[in-house]
Amino acid sequence: MPGIGPRTASELVISIDIADFPSHDKLASYCGLAPRNRRSGTSISSVSASRRGNKRLKNLLIFSCNCLARSHGRWGDYYAECRGRGMPHGKAIKALARKRLKVIYAVMRDKTTYSA
């Protein structure tokens, strides 16, 4: 997978037991990439990203996305699309990391190799 080298891949495999997560949303929450919800009565609003989760995995995913944001292709286009919608750099990188985490989850769950 682009942007994931042997060290990053080994850290992901060591840190994540994919059987513990029934969906990619649960994995994103574990990694600290899921938004935090604020509840008051019957209204629920989504606010900034949670500070909970595995900080090491979150940093690993976000730092691996920094090089992809400048690339030309699927991941770079998604980053540019997020920036075009008015997202600041940090939020766009987190959105890119969350999207990549969905793909990582599918690859680990299905035990297949990545194909673009």
PDB file of N, CA and C in Angstrom:
ATOM      1  N   MET A   1       0.853  -1.171   0.000  1.00  0.00           N
ATOM      2  CA  MET A   1       0.000   0.000   0.000  1.00  0.00           C
ATOM      3  C   MET A   1       0.903   1.239   0.000  1.00  0.00           C
ATOM      4  N   PRO A   2       0.582   2.237  -0.818  1.00  0.00           N
ATOM      5  CA  PRO A   2       1.410   3.433  -0.859  1.00  0.00           C
ATOM      6  C   PRO A   2       1.464   4.131   0.501  1.00  0.00           C
ATOM      7  N   GLY A   3       2.676   4.530   0.892  1.00  0.00           N
ATOM      8  CA  GLY A   3       2.854   5.255   2.146  1.00  0.00           C
ATOM      9  C   GLY A   3       3.030   4.368   3.354  1.00  0.00           C
ATOM     10  N   ILE A   4       2.935   3.068   3.181  1.00  0.00           N
ATOM     11  CA  ILE A   4       3.122   2.147   4.304  1.00  0.00           C
ATOM     12  C   ILE A   4       4.300   1.246   3.987  1.00  0.00           C
ATOM     13  N   GLY A   5       5.358   1.451   4.740  1.00  0.00           N
ATOM     14  CA  GLY A   5       6.555   0.652   4.571  1.00  0.00           C
ATOM     15  C   GLY A   5       6.554  -0.535   5.521  1.00  0.00           C
ATOM     16  N   PRO A   6       7.682  -1.248   5.578  1.00  0.00           N
ATOM     17  CA  PRO A   6       7.745  -2.441   6.429  1.00  0.00           C
ATOM     18  C   PRO A   6       7.577  -2.130   7.924  1.00  0.00           C
ATOM     19  N   ARG A   7       8.135  -1.024   8.386  1.00  0.00           N
ATOM     20  CA  ARG A   7       8.017  -0.685   9.808  1.00  0.00           C
ATOM     21  C   ARG A   7       6.582  -0.325  10.178  1.00  0.00           C
ATOM     22  N   THR A   8       5.951   0.476   9.344  1.00  0.00           N
ATOM     23  CA  THR A   8       4.568   0.863   9.605  1.00  0.00           C
ATOM     24  C   THR A   8       3.657  -0.353   9.545  1.00  0.00           C
ATOM     25  N   ALA A   9       3.862  -1.206   8.563  1.00  0.00           N
ATOM     26  CA  ALA A   9       3.039  -2.402   8.430  1.00  0.00           C
ATOM     27  C   ALA A   9       3.207  -3.318   9.637  1.00  0.00           C
ATOM     28  N   SER A  10       4.439  -3.493  10.089  1.00  0.00           N
ATOM     29  CA  SER A  10       4.654  -4.373  11.242  1.00  0.00           C
ATOM     30  C   SER A  10       4.036  -3.780  12.501  1.00  0.00           C
ATOM     31  N   GLU A  11       4.098  -2.468  12.663  1.00  0.00           N
ATOM     32  CA  GLU A  11       3.468  -1.818  13.815  1.00  0.00           C
ATOM     33  C   GLU A  11       1.957  -2.001  13.784  1.00  0.00           C
ATOM     34  N   LEU A  12       1.348  -1.894  12.607  1.00  0.00           N
ATOM     35  CA  LEU A  12      -0.093  -2.105  12.479  1.00  0.00           C
ATOM     36  C   LEU A  12      -0.480  -3.548  12.818  1.00  0.00           C
ATOM     37  N   VAL A  13       0.299  -4.492  12.317  1.00  0.00           N
ATOM     38  CA  VAL A  13      -0.012  -5.903  12.558  1.00  0.00           C
ATOM     39  C   VAL A  13       0.148  -6.249  14.037  1.00  0.00           C
ATOM     40  N   ILE A  14       1.164  -5.693  14.678  1.00  0.00           N
ATOM     41  CA  ILE A  14       1.402  -5.974  16.095  1.00  0.00           C
ATOM     42  C   ILE A  14       0.334  -5.327  16.968  1.00  0.00           C
ATOM     43  N   SER A  15      -0.082  -4.114  16.625  1.00  0.00           N
ATOM     44  CA  SER A  15      -0.977  -3.336  17.485  1.00  0.00           C
ATOM     45  C   SER A  15      -2.455  -3.674  17.314  1.00  0.00           C
ATOM     46  N   ILE A  16      -2.828  -4.215  16.169  1.00  0.00           N
ATOM     47  CA  ILE A  16      -4.246  -4.418  15.879  1.00  0.00           C
ATOM     48  C   ILE A  16      -4.554  -5.901  15.733  1.00  0.00           C
ATOM     49  N   ASP A  17      -5.466  -6.387  16.572  1.00  0.00           N
ATOM     50  CA  ASP A  17      -6.030  -7.721  16.379  1.00  0.00           C
ATOM     51  C   ASP A  17      -7.380  -7.506  15.705  1.00  0.00           C
ATOM     52  N   ILE A  18      -7.436  -7.748  14.421  1.00  0.00           N
ATOM     53  CA  ILE A  18      -8.602  -7.386  13.611  1.00  0.00           C
ATOM     54  C   ILE A  18      -9.875  -8.106  14.069  1.00  0.00           C
ATOM     55  N   ALA A  19      -9.743  -9.243  14.733  1.00  0.00           N
ATOM     56  CA  ALA A  19     -10.914  -9.977  15.217  1.00  0.00           C
ATOM     57  C   ALA A  19     -11.633  -9.222  16.333  1.00  0.00           C
ATOM     58  N   ASP A  20     -10.955  -8.281  16.976  1.00  0.00           N
ATOM     59  CA  ASP A  20     -11.560  -7.507  18.063  1.00  0.00           C
ATOM     60  C   ASP A  20     -12.481  -6.398  17.564  1.00  0.00           C
ATOM     61  N   PHE A  21     -12.452  -6.108  16.266  1.00  0.00           N
ATOM     62  CA  PHE A  21     -13.202  -4.981  15.731  1.00  0.00           C
ATOM     63  C   PHE A  21     -14.229  -5.445  14.703  1.00  0.00           C
ATOM     64  N   PRO A  22     -15.525  -5.319  15.024  1.00  0.00           N
ATOM     65  CA  PRO A  22     -16.561  -5.771  14.092  1.00  0.00           C
ATOM     66  C   PRO A  22     -16.732  -4.859  12.880  1.00  0.00           C
ATOM     67  N   SER A  23     -16.240  -3.618  12.949  1.00  0.00           N
ATOM     68  CA  SER A  23     -16.363  -2.701  11.810  1.00  0.00           C
ATOM     69  C   SER A  23     -15.182  -1.744  11.786  1.00  0.00           C
ATOM     70  N   HIS A  24     -15.028  -1.072  10.653  1.00  0.00           N
ATOM     71  CA  HIS A  24     -13.939  -0.097  10.541  1.00  0.00           C
ATOM     72  C   HIS A  24     -14.186   1.115  11.429  1.00  0.00           C
ATOM     73  N   ASP A  25     -15.448   1.390  11.761  1.00  0.00           N
ATOM     74  CA  ASP A  25     -15.750   2.500  12.664  1.00  0.00           C
ATOM     75  C   ASP A  25     -15.206   2.241  14.062  1.00  0.00           C
ATOM     76  N   LYS A  26     -15.317   1.012  14.540  1.00  0.00           N
ATOM     77  CA  LYS A  26     -14.771   0.649  15.854  1.00  0.00           C
ATOM     78  C   LYS A  26     -13.255   0.757  15.849  1.00  0.00           C
ATOM     79  N   LEU A  27     -12.637   0.364  14.743  1.00  0.00           N
ATOM     80  CA  LEU A  27     -11.184   0.477  14.633  1.00  0.00           C
ATOM     81  C   LEU A  27     -10.757   1.941  14.609  1.00  0.00           C
ATOM     82  N   ALA A  28     -11.502   2.781  13.904  1.00  0.00           N
ATOM     83  CA  ALA A  28     -11.197   4.207  13.861  1.00  0.00           C
ATOM     84  C   ALA A  28     -11.317   4.829  15.244  1.00  0.00           C
ATOM     85  N   SER A  29     -12.293   4.402  15.997  1.00  0.00           N
ATOM     86  CA  SER A  29     -12.455   4.887  17.358  1.00  0.00           C
ATOM     87  C   SER A  29     -11.284   4.449  18.222  1.00  0.00           C
ATOM     88  N   TYR A  30     -10.842   3.214  18.061  1.00  0.00           N
ATOM     89  CA  TYR A  30      -9.697   2.697  18.812  1.00  0.00           C
ATOM     90  C   TYR A  30      -8.428   3.485  18.482  1.00  0.00           C
ATOM     91  N   CYS A  31      -8.280   3.873  17.223  1.00  0.00           N
ATOM     92  CA  CYS A  31      -7.095   4.612  16.796  1.00  0.00           C
ATOM     93  C   CYS A  31      -7.193   6.108  17.100  1.00  0.00           C
ATOM     94  N   GLY A  32      -8.345   6.577  17.515  1.00  0.00           N
ATOM     95  CA  GLY A  32      -8.501   7.992  17.822  1.00  0.00           C
ATOM     96  C   GLY A  32      -8.807   8.842  16.610  1.00  0.00           C
ATOM     97  N   LEU A  33      -9.331   8.249  15.550  1.00  0.00           N
ATOM     98  CA  LEU A  33      -9.646   8.989  14.330  1.00  0.00           C
ATOM     99  C   LEU A  33     -11.140   9.224  14.149  1.00  0.00           C
ATOM    100  N   ALA A  34     -11.942   8.759  15.087  1.00  0.00           N
ATOM    101  CA  ALA A  34     -13.383   8.947  14.993  1.00  0.00           C
ATOM    102  C   ALA A  34     -13.783  10.260  15.651  1.00  0.00           C
ATOM    103  N   PRO A  35     -14.796  10.940  15.117  1.00  0.00           N
ATOM    104  CA  PRO A  35     -15.242  12.185  15.748  1.00  0.00           C
ATOM    105  C   PRO A  35     -15.947  11.908  17.070  1.00  0.00           C
ATOM    106  N   ARG A  36     -15.885  12.865  17.932  1.00  0.00           N
ATOM    107  CA  ARG A  36     -16.537  12.757  19.241  1.00  0.00           C
ATOM    108  C   ARG A  36     -17.910  13.384  19.136  1.00  0.00           C
ATOM    109  N   ASN A  37     -18.909  12.758  19.717  1.00  0.00           N
ATOM    110  CA  ASN A  37     -20.265  13.283  19.700  1.00  0.00           C
ATOM    111  C   ASN A  37     -20.582  13.972  21.014  1.00  0.00           C
ATOM    112  N   ARG A  38     -21.293  15.075  20.925  1.00  0.00           N
ATOM    113  CA  ARG A  38     -21.757  15.782  22.100  1.00  0.00           C
ATOM    114  C   ARG A  38     -23.269  15.648  22.154  1.00  0.00           C
ATOM    115  N   ARG A  39     -23.795  15.212  23.292  1.00  0.00           N
ATOM    116  CA  ARG A  39     -25.234  15.011  23.446  1.00  0.00           C
ATOM    117  C   ARG A  39     -25.794  15.954  24.489  1.00  0.00           C
ATOM    118  N   SER A  40     -26.942  16.484  24.164  1.00  0.00           N
ATOM    119  CA  SER A  40     -27.672  17.315  25.113  1.00  0.00           C
ATOM    120  C   SER A  40     -29.161  17.094  24.848  1.00  0.00           C
ATOM    121  N   GLY A  41     -29.797  16.374  25.730  1.00  0.00           N
ATOM    122  CA  GLY A  41     -31.206  16.071  25.518  1.00  0.00           C
ATOM    123  C   GLY A  41     -31.376  15.161  24.326  1.00  0.00           C
ATOM    124  N   THR A  42     -32.142  15.608  23.352  1.00  0.00           N
ATOM    125  CA  THR A  42     -32.380  14.792  22.164  1.00  0.00           C
ATOM    126  C   THR A  42     -31.473  15.178  21.004  1.00  0.00           C
ATOM    127  N   SER A  43     -30.715  16.261  21.147  1.00  0.00           N
ATOM    128  CA  SER A  43     -29.844  16.684  20.039  1.00  0.00           C
ATOM    129  C   SER A  43     -28.448  16.093  20.212  1.00  0.00           C
ATOM    130  N   ILE A  44     -27.890  15.671  19.087  1.00  0.00           N
ATOM    131  CA  ILE A  44     -26.549  15.101  19.049  1.00  0.00           C
ATOM    132  C   ILE A  44     -25.772  15.858  17.985  1.00  0.00           C
ATOM    133  N   SER A  45     -24.602  16.389  18.358  1.00  0.00           N
ATOM    134  CA  SER A  45     -23.771  17.084  17.378  1.00  0.00           C
ATOM    135  C   SER A  45     -22.375  16.484  17.392  1.00  0.00           C
ATOM    136  N   SER A  46     -21.775  16.428  16.234  1.00  0.00           N
ATOM    137  CA  SER A  46     -20.432  15.896  16.097  1.00  0.00           C
ATOM    138  C   SER A  46     -19.444  17.045  16.248  1.00  0.00           C
ATOM    139  N   VAL A  47     -18.477  16.862  17.115  1.00  0.00           N
ATOM    140  CA  VAL A  47     -17.477  17.899  17.342  1.00  0.00           C
ATOM    141  C   VAL A  47     -16.113  17.362  16.941  1.00  0.00           C
ATOM    142  N   SER A  48     -15.064  17.995  17.371  1.00  0.00           N
ATOM    143  CA  SER A  48     -13.716  17.641  16.944  1.00  0.00           C
ATOM    144  C   SER A  48     -13.355  16.197  17.278  1.00  0.00           C
ATOM    145  N   ALA A  49     -12.239  15.761  16.739  1.00  0.00           N
ATOM    146  CA  ALA A  49     -11.786  14.385  16.942  1.00  0.00           C
ATOM    147  C   ALA A  49     -11.521  14.125  18.419  1.00  0.00           C
ATOM    148  N   SER A  50     -11.758  12.903  18.805  1.00  0.00           N
ATOM    149  CA  SER A  50     -11.564  12.499  20.189  1.00  0.00           C
ATOM    150  C   SER A  50     -10.082  12.455  20.527  1.00  0.00           C
ATOM    151  N   ARG A  51      -9.758  12.764  21.766  1.00  0.00           N
ATOM    152  CA  ARG A  51      -8.373  12.639  22.218  1.00  0.00           C
ATOM    153  C   ARG A  51      -8.105  11.255  22.785  1.00  0.00           C
ATOM    154  N   ARG A  52      -9.125  10.447  22.823  1.00  0.00           N
ATOM    155  CA  ARG A  52      -8.968   9.075  23.290  1.00  0.00           C
ATOM    156  C   ARG A  52      -8.391   8.220  22.184  1.00  0.00           C
ATOM    157  N   GLY A  53      -8.104   7.005  22.511  1.00  0.00           N
ATOM    158  CA  GLY A  53      -7.607   6.076  21.504  1.00  0.00           C
ATOM    159  C   GLY A  53      -6.116   5.868  21.624  1.00  0.00           C
ATOM    160  N   ASN A  54      -5.601   5.042  20.761  1.00  0.00           N
ATOM    161  CA  ASN A  54      -4.192   4.697  20.742  1.00  0.00           C
ATOM    162  C   ASN A  54      -3.421   5.812  20.042  1.00  0.00           C
ATOM    163  N   LYS A  55      -2.729   6.626  20.816  1.00  0.00           N
ATOM    164  CA  LYS A  55      -2.031   7.798  20.268  1.00  0.00           C
ATOM    165  C   LYS A  55      -0.919   7.395  19.307  1.00  0.00           C
ATOM    166  N   ARG A  56      -0.266   6.289  19.593  1.00  0.00           N
ATOM    167  CA  ARG A  56       0.822   5.836  18.727  1.00  0.00           C
ATOM    168  C   ARG A  56       0.295   5.458  17.340  1.00  0.00           C
ATOM    169  N   LEU A  57      -0.821   4.725  17.300  1.00  0.00           N
ATOM    170  CA  LEU A  57      -1.401   4.354  16.012  1.00  0.00           C
ATOM    171  C   LEU A  57      -1.927   5.567  15.267  1.00  0.00           C
ATOM    172  N   LYS A  58      -2.550   6.492  15.994  1.00  0.00           N
ATOM    173  CA  LYS A  58      -3.070   7.710  15.361  1.00  0.00           C
ATOM    174  C   LYS A  58      -1.942   8.488  14.706  1.00  0.00           C
ATOM    175  N   ASN A  59      -0.852   8.696  15.428  1.00  0.00           N
ATOM    176  CA  ASN A  59       0.290   9.420  14.866  1.00  0.00           C
ATOM    177  C   ASN A  59       0.902   8.670  13.696  1.00  0.00           C
ATOM    178  N   LEU A  60       0.977   7.360  13.805  1.00  0.00           N
ATOM    179  CA  LEU A  60       1.524   6.545  12.728  1.00  0.00           C
ATOM    180  C   LEU A  60       0.716   6.725  11.445  1.00  0.00           C
ATOM    181  N   LEU A  61      -0.604   6.673  11.566  1.00  0.00           N
ATOM    182  CA  LEU A  61      -1.471   6.821  10.396  1.00  0.00           C
ATOM    183  C   LEU A  61      -1.428   8.238   9.838  1.00  0.00           C
ATOM    184  N   ILE A  62      -1.449   9.230  10.701  1.00  0.00           N
ATOM    185  CA  ILE A  62      -1.442  10.617  10.228  1.00  0.00           C
ATOM    186  C   ILE A  62      -0.116  10.969   9.571  1.00  0.00           C
ATOM    187  N   PHE A  63       1.009  10.565  10.175  1.00  0.00           N
ATOM    188  CA  PHE A  63       2.309  10.878   9.584  1.00  0.00           C
ATOM    189  C   PHE A  63       2.518  10.149   8.265  1.00  0.00           C
ATOM    190  N   SER A  64       1.962   8.949   8.135  1.00  0.00           N
ATOM    191  CA  SER A  64       2.110   8.237   6.867  1.00  0.00           C
ATOM    192  C   SER A  64       1.257   8.872   5.774  1.00  0.00           C
ATOM    193  N   CYS A  65       0.265   9.675   6.152  1.00  0.00           N
ATOM    194  CA  CYS A  65      -0.590  10.345   5.164  1.00  0.00           C
ATOM    195  C   CYS A  65       0.002  11.663   4.671  1.00  0.00           C
ATOM    196  N   ASN A  66       0.970  12.219   5.390  1.00  0.00           N
ATOM    197  CA  ASN A  66       1.550  13.496   4.978  1.00  0.00           C
ATOM    198  C   ASN A  66       2.188  13.424   3.600  1.00  0.00           C
ATOM    199  N   CYS A  67       2.883  12.323   3.308  1.00  0.00           N
ATOM    200  CA  CYS A  67       3.503  12.200   1.982  1.00  0.00           C
ATOM    201  C   CYS A  67       2.449  11.954   0.906  1.00  0.00           C
ATOM    202  N   LEU A  68       1.366  11.269   1.267  1.00  0.00           N
ATOM    203  CA  LEU A  68       0.322  10.980   0.282  1.00  0.00           C
ATOM    204  C   LEU A  68      -0.477  12.220  -0.096  1.00  0.00           C
ATOM    205  N   ALA A  69      -0.535  13.195   0.794  1.00  0.00           N
ATOM    206  CA  ALA A  69      -1.292  14.412   0.511  1.00  0.00           C
ATOM    207  C   ALA A  69      -0.694  15.171  -0.675  1.00  0.00           C
ATOM    208  N   ARG A  70       0.603  15.025  -0.871  1.00  0.00           N
ATOM    209  CA  ARG A  70       1.270  15.718  -1.973  1.00  0.00           C
ATOM    210  C   ARG A  70       1.362  14.882  -3.244  1.00  0.00           C
ATOM    211  N   SER A  71       0.910  13.642  -3.183  1.00  0.00           N
ATOM    212  CA  SER A  71       1.039  12.758  -4.341  1.00  0.00           C
ATOM    213  C   SER A  71      -0.086  12.996  -5.344  1.00  0.00           C
ATOM    214  N   HIS A  72       0.119  12.461  -6.533  1.00  0.00           N
ATOM    215  CA  HIS A  72      -0.912  12.512  -7.567  1.00  0.00           C
ATOM    216  C   HIS A  72      -1.488  11.112  -7.692  1.00  0.00           C
ATOM    217  N   GLY A  73      -2.742  10.991  -7.433  1.00  0.00           N
ATOM    218  CA  GLY A  73      -3.393   9.689  -7.467  1.00  0.00           C
ATOM    219  C   GLY A  73      -4.608   9.719  -6.559  1.00  0.00           C
ATOM    220  N   ARG A  74      -5.066   8.538  -6.202  1.00  0.00           N
ATOM    221  CA  ARG A  74      -6.291   8.396  -5.415  1.00  0.00           C
ATOM    222  C   ARG A  74      -6.232   9.168  -4.102  1.00  0.00           C
ATOM    223  N   TRP A  75      -5.156   8.999  -3.358  1.00  0.00           N
ATOM    224  CA  TRP A  75      -5.065   9.607  -2.030  1.00  0.00           C
ATOM    225  C   TRP A  75      -4.816  11.103  -2.107  1.00  0.00           C
ATOM    226  N   GLY A  76      -3.970  11.530  -3.016  1.00  0.00           N
ATOM    227  CA  GLY A  76      -3.718  12.953  -3.188  1.00  0.00           C
ATOM    228  C   GLY A  76      -4.951  13.696  -3.685  1.00  0.00           C
ATOM    229  N   ASP A  77      -5.707  13.045  -4.557  1.00  0.00           N
ATOM    230  CA  ASP A  77      -6.943  13.654  -5.052  1.00  0.00           C
ATOM    231  C   ASP A  77      -7.976  13.807  -3.940  1.00  0.00           C
ATOM    232  N   TYR A  78      -8.051  12.815  -3.059  1.00  0.00           N
ATOM    233  CA  TYR A  78      -9.002  12.906  -1.950  1.00  0.00           C
ATOM    234  C   TYR A  78      -8.618  14.046  -1.001  1.00  0.00           C
ATOM    235  N   TYR A  79      -7.313  14.187  -0.741  1.00  0.00           N
ATOM    236  CA  TYR A  79      -6.849  15.291   0.105  1.00  0.00           C
ATOM    237  C   TYR A  79      -7.195  16.637  -0.533  1.00  0.00           C
ATOM    238  N   ALA A  80      -6.945  16.759  -1.838  1.00  0.00           N
ATOM    239  CA  ALA A  80      -7.245  18.009  -2.546  1.00  0.00           C
ATOM    240  C   ALA A  80      -8.746  18.294  -2.532  1.00  0.00           C
ATOM    241  N   GLU A  81      -9.557  17.255  -2.631  1.00  0.00           N
ATOM    242  CA  GLU A  81     -11.013  17.414  -2.576  1.00  0.00           C
ATOM    243  C   GLU A  81     -11.441  17.930  -1.198  1.00  0.00           C
ATOM    244  N   CYS A  82     -10.851  17.382  -0.151  1.00  0.00           N
ATOM    245  CA  CYS A  82     -11.171  17.840   1.207  1.00  0.00           C
ATOM    246  C   CYS A  82     -10.767  19.303   1.391  1.00  0.00           C
ATOM    247  N   ARG A  83      -9.596  19.653   0.904  1.00  0.00           N
ATOM    248  CA  ARG A  83      -9.134  21.047   1.004  1.00  0.00           C
ATOM    249  C   ARG A  83     -10.024  21.968   0.180  1.00  0.00           C
ATOM    250  N   GLY A  84     -10.502  21.477  -0.955  1.00  0.00           N
ATOM    251  CA  GLY A  84     -11.396  22.261  -1.807  1.00  0.00           C
ATOM    252  C   GLY A  84     -12.741  22.532  -1.151  1.00  0.00           C
ATOM    253  N   ARG A  85     -13.147  21.643  -0.235  1.00  0.00           N
ATOM    254  CA  ARG A  85     -14.400  21.845   0.492  1.00  0.00           C
ATOM    255  C   ARG A  85     -14.222  22.783   1.680  1.00  0.00           C
ATOM    256  N   GLY A  86     -13.009  23.304   1.871  1.00  0.00           N
ATOM    257  CA  GLY A  86     -12.774  24.277   2.935  1.00  0.00           C
ATOM    258  C   GLY A  86     -12.199  23.706   4.213  1.00  0.00           C
ATOM    259  N   MET A  87     -11.788  22.442   4.207  1.00  0.00           N
ATOM    260  CA  MET A  87     -11.196  21.850   5.412  1.00  0.00           C
ATOM    261  C   MET A  87      -9.784  22.389   5.607  1.00  0.00           C
ATOM    262  N   PRO A  88      -9.407  22.682   6.843  1.00  0.00           N
ATOM    263  CA  PRO A  88      -7.997  23.033   7.088  1.00  0.00           C
ATOM    264  C   PRO A  88      -7.109  21.792   6.913  1.00  0.00           C
ATOM    265  N   HIS A  89      -5.812  22.016   6.832  1.00  0.00           N
ATOM    266  CA  HIS A  89      -4.860  20.936   6.555  1.00  0.00           C
ATOM    267  C   HIS A  89      -4.998  19.782   7.552  1.00  0.00           C
ATOM    268  N   GLY A  90      -5.069  20.079   8.843  1.00  0.00           N
ATOM    269  CA  GLY A  90      -5.136  19.034   9.862  1.00  0.00           C
ATOM    270  C   GLY A  90      -6.361  18.156   9.728  1.00  0.00           C
ATOM    271  N   LYS A  91      -7.506  18.759   9.491  1.00  0.00           N
ATOM    272  CA  LYS A  91      -8.738  17.981   9.332  1.00  0.00           C
ATOM    273  C   LYS A  91      -8.696  17.147   8.054  1.00  0.00           C
ATOM    274  N   ALA A  92      -8.127  17.707   7.000  1.00  0.00           N
ATOM    275  CA  ALA A  92      -8.040  16.973   5.736  1.00  0.00           C
ATOM    276  C   ALA A  92      -7.110  15.766   5.873  1.00  0.00           C
ATOM    277  N   ILE A  93      -6.015  15.919   6.611  1.00  0.00           N
ATOM    278  CA  ILE A  93      -5.100  14.795   6.842  1.00  0.00           C
ATOM    279  C   ILE A  93      -5.791  13.716   7.669  1.00  0.00           C
ATOM    280  N   LYS A  94      -6.559  14.129   8.684  1.00  0.00           N
ATOM    281  CA  LYS A  94      -7.283  13.143   9.498  1.00  0.00           C
ATOM    282  C   LYS A  94      -8.346  12.430   8.679  1.00  0.00           C
ATOM    283  N   ALA A  95      -9.013  13.152   7.774  1.00  0.00           N
ATOM    284  CA  ALA A  95     -10.000  12.521   6.897  1.00  0.00           C
ATOM    285  C   ALA A  95      -9.323  11.513   5.973  1.00  0.00           C
ATOM    286  N   LEU A  96      -8.147  11.865   5.473  1.00  0.00           N
ATOM    287  CA  LEU A  96      -7.381  10.957   4.621  1.00  0.00           C
ATOM    288  C   LEU A  96      -6.936   9.730   5.406  1.00  0.00           C
ATOM    289  N   ALA A  97      -6.495   9.931   6.635  1.00  0.00           N
ATOM    290  CA  ALA A  97      -6.077   8.810   7.479  1.00  0.00           C
ATOM    291  C   ALA A  97      -7.253   7.884   7.768  1.00  0.00           C
ATOM    292  N   ARG A  98      -8.423   8.467   7.999  1.00  0.00           N
ATOM    293  CA  ARG A  98      -9.614   7.655   8.271  1.00  0.00           C
ATOM    294  C   ARG A  98      -9.994   6.835   7.038  1.00  0.00           C
ATOM    295  N   LYS A  99      -9.907   7.444   5.865  1.00  0.00           N
ATOM    296  CA  LYS A  99     -10.233   6.733   4.624  1.00  0.00           C
ATOM    297  C   LYS A  99      -9.234   5.601   4.380  1.00  0.00           C
ATOM    298  N   ARG A 100      -7.955   5.856   4.651  1.00  0.00           N
ATOM    299  CA  ARG A 100      -6.947   4.807   4.483  1.00  0.00           C
ATOM    300  C   ARG A 100      -7.149   3.689   5.493  1.00  0.00           C
ATOM    301  N   LEU A 101      -7.612   4.047   6.693  1.00  0.00           N
ATOM    302  CA  LEU A 101      -7.845   3.044   7.720  1.00  0.00           C
ATOM    303  C   LEU A 101      -8.949   2.077   7.295  1.00  0.00           C
ATOM    304  N   LYS A 102      -9.932   2.579   6.547  1.00  0.00           N
ATOM    305  CA  LYS A 102     -10.978   1.694   6.020  1.00  0.00           C
ATOM    306  C   LYS A 102     -10.370   0.642   5.098  1.00  0.00           C
ATOM    307  N   VAL A 103      -9.444   1.061   4.265  1.00  0.00           N
ATOM    308  CA  VAL A 103      -8.790   0.135   3.336  1.00  0.00           C
ATOM    309  C   VAL A 103      -7.896  -0.837   4.103  1.00  0.00           C
ATOM    310  N   ILE A 104      -7.163  -0.328   5.084  1.00  0.00           N
ATOM    311  CA  ILE A 104      -6.305  -1.188   5.903  1.00  0.00           C
ATOM    312  C   ILE A 104      -7.153  -2.233   6.624  1.00  0.00           C
ATOM    313  N   TYR A 105      -8.299  -1.807   7.141  1.00  0.00           N
ATOM    314  CA  TYR A 105      -9.202  -2.732   7.828  1.00  0.00           C
ATOM    315  C   TYR A 105      -9.649  -3.845   6.874  1.00  0.00           C
ATOM    316  N   ALA A 106     -10.039  -3.481   5.656  1.00  0.00           N
ATOM    317  CA  ALA A 106     -10.501  -4.473   4.687  1.00  0.00           C
ATOM    318  C   ALA A 106      -9.381  -5.442   4.298  1.00  0.00           C
ATOM    319  N   VAL A 107      -8.174  -4.923   4.128  1.00  0.00           N
ATOM    320  CA  VAL A 107      -7.039  -5.781   3.767  1.00  0.00           C
ATOM    321  C   VAL A 107      -6.723  -6.763   4.893  1.00  0.00           C
ATOM    322  N   MET A 108      -6.732  -6.255   6.133  1.00  0.00           N
ATOM    323  CA  MET A 108      -6.429  -7.133   7.267  1.00  0.00           C
ATOM    324  C   MET A 108      -7.559  -8.132   7.533  1.00  0.00           C
ATOM    325  N   ARG A 109      -8.808  -7.695   7.375  1.00  0.00           N
ATOM    326  CA  ARG A 109      -9.959  -8.571   7.621  1.00  0.00           C
ATOM    327  C   ARG A 109     -10.018  -9.706   6.602  1.00  0.00           C
ATOM    328  N   ASP A 110      -9.814  -9.357   5.326  1.00  0.00           N
ATOM    329  CA  ASP A 110      -9.928 -10.344   4.254  1.00  0.00           C
ATOM    330  C   ASP A 110      -8.646 -11.122   3.987  1.00  0.00           C
ATOM    331  N   LYS A 111      -7.544 -10.684   4.632  1.00  0.00           N
ATOM    332  CA  LYS A 111      -6.229 -11.327   4.462  1.00  0.00           C
ATOM    333  C   LYS A 111      -5.827 -11.380   2.997  1.00  0.00           C
ATOM    334  N   THR A 112      -5.939 -10.227   2.324  1.00  0.00           N
ATOM    335  CA  THR A 112      -5.565 -10.118   0.918  1.00  0.00           C
ATOM    336  C   THR A 112      -4.487  -9.058   0.771  1.00  0.00           C
ATOM    337  N   THR A 113      -3.932  -8.981  -0.417  1.00  0.00           N
ATOM    338  CA  THR A 113      -2.957  -7.927  -0.692  1.00  0.00           C
ATOM    339  C   THR A 113      -3.699  -6.707  -1.233  1.00  0.00           C
ATOM    340  N   TYR A 114      -3.078  -5.552  -1.096  1.00  0.00           N
ATOM    341  CA  TYR A 114      -3.680  -4.309  -1.562  1.00  0.00           C
ATOM    342  C   TYR A 114      -3.543  -4.205  -3.071  1.00  0.00           C
ATOM    343  N   SER A 115      -4.643  -3.842  -3.721  1.00  0.00           N
ATOM    344  CA  SER A 115      -4.596  -3.549  -5.156  1.00  0.00           C
ATOM    345  C   SER A 115      -5.377  -2.261  -5.386  1.00  0.00           C
ATOM    346  N   ALA A 116      -4.770  -1.325  -6.072  1.00  0.00           N
ATOM    347  CA  ALA A 116      -5.381  -0.003  -6.260  1.00  0.00           C
ATOM    348  C   ALA A 116      -6.550  -0.019  -7.170  1.00  0.00           C
TER     349      ALA A 116
END
